[in-house]
Amino acid sequence: YIIQHELLKASNVDFAGVIVKHPLTNECWMRINSSTKPLSEIKKSADSAIKMTEEFKELFNSKLR
């Protein structure tokens, strides 16, 4: 759902949906409507999510010290 949120922040993505088939399996389906290639949008969104979590980790660790 984090990648879905990042996808929806992009201006060229019209729709992004995620369906988790079952919680005990690793299968999920994604549907993306975009004016550019959907796979490149997924890559950009995943990179953005990773960067955001790294920034959060640094902030969290700095507050613990």
Protein backbone atom coordinates (compact mmCIF):
# COMPACT_ATOMS: atom_id res chain seq x y z
CA TYR A 1 0.00 0.00 0.00
CA ILE A 2 2.98 2.31 0.44
CA ILE A 3 3.89 2.01 -3.24
CA GLN A 4 0.24 2.63 -4.15
CA HIS A 5 0.34 5.85 -2.12
CA GLU A 6 3.54 6.93 -3.86
CA LEU A 7 2.03 6.12 -7.26
CA LEU A 8 -1.04 8.24 -6.53
CA LYS A 9 1.20 11.22 -5.68
CA ALA A 10 2.58 11.17 -9.25
CA SER A 11 0.83 13.60 -11.58
CA ASN A 12 0.85 11.29 -14.60
CA VAL A 13 -0.81 8.36 -12.76
CA ASP A 14 -4.59 8.35 -13.10
CA PHE A 15 -5.33 5.20 -11.08
CA ALA A 16 -3.35 2.84 -8.86
CA GLY A 17 -4.96 -0.09 -7.12
CA VAL A 18 -3.61 -3.01 -5.12
CA ILE A 19 -5.37 -6.26 -4.24
CA VAL A 20 -3.77 -8.67 -1.77
CA LYS A 21 -5.11 -12.06 -2.82
CA HIS A 22 -4.69 -13.67 0.61
CA PRO A 23 -2.71 -12.61 3.69
CA LEU A 24 -0.92 -15.98 3.91
CA THR A 25 0.39 -15.83 0.34
CA ASN A 26 2.83 -13.40 -1.24
CA GLU A 27 0.54 -12.76 -4.19
CA CYS A 28 -0.81 -9.30 -4.91
CA TRP A 29 -2.21 -7.67 -8.01
CA MET A 30 -1.61 -4.09 -9.08
CA ARG A 31 -3.46 -2.06 -11.66
CA ILE A 32 -2.04 1.23 -12.87
CA ASN A 33 -3.39 3.67 -15.44
CA SER A 34 -0.70 6.11 -16.45
CA SER A 35 0.31 8.32 -19.35
CA THR A 36 3.81 6.79 -19.18
CA LYS A 37 5.02 3.21 -18.81
CA PRO A 38 3.49 1.68 -15.65
CA LEU A 39 6.59 -0.37 -14.83
CA SER A 40 8.78 2.74 -14.77
CA GLU A 41 6.24 4.42 -12.49
CA ILE A 42 6.39 1.45 -10.11
CA LYS A 43 10.20 1.66 -10.04
CA LYS A 44 10.12 5.41 -9.31
CA SER A 45 7.52 4.94 -6.58
CA ALA A 46 9.45 2.09 -4.97
CA ASP A 47 12.64 4.19 -4.98
CA SER A 48 10.72 7.09 -3.43
CA ALA A 49 9.29 4.82 -0.72
CA ILE A 50 12.75 3.44 0.08
CA LYS A 51 14.18 6.95 0.32
CA MET A 52 11.33 8.03 2.61
CA THR A 53 11.87 5.07 4.96
CA GLU A 54 15.62 5.73 5.09
CA GLU A 55 14.95 9.35 6.04
CA PHE A 56 12.48 8.22 8.71
CA LYS A 57 15.03 5.74 10.08
CA GLU A 58 17.69 8.45 10.33
CA LEU A 59 15.27 10.82 12.06
CA PHE A 60 14.14 8.12 14.47
CA ASN A 61 17.70 7.12 15.35
CA SER A 62 18.73 10.75 15.87
CA LYS A 63 15.90 11.26 18.36
CA LEU A 64 16.94 8.17 20.33
CA ARG A 65 20.44 9.49 21.01
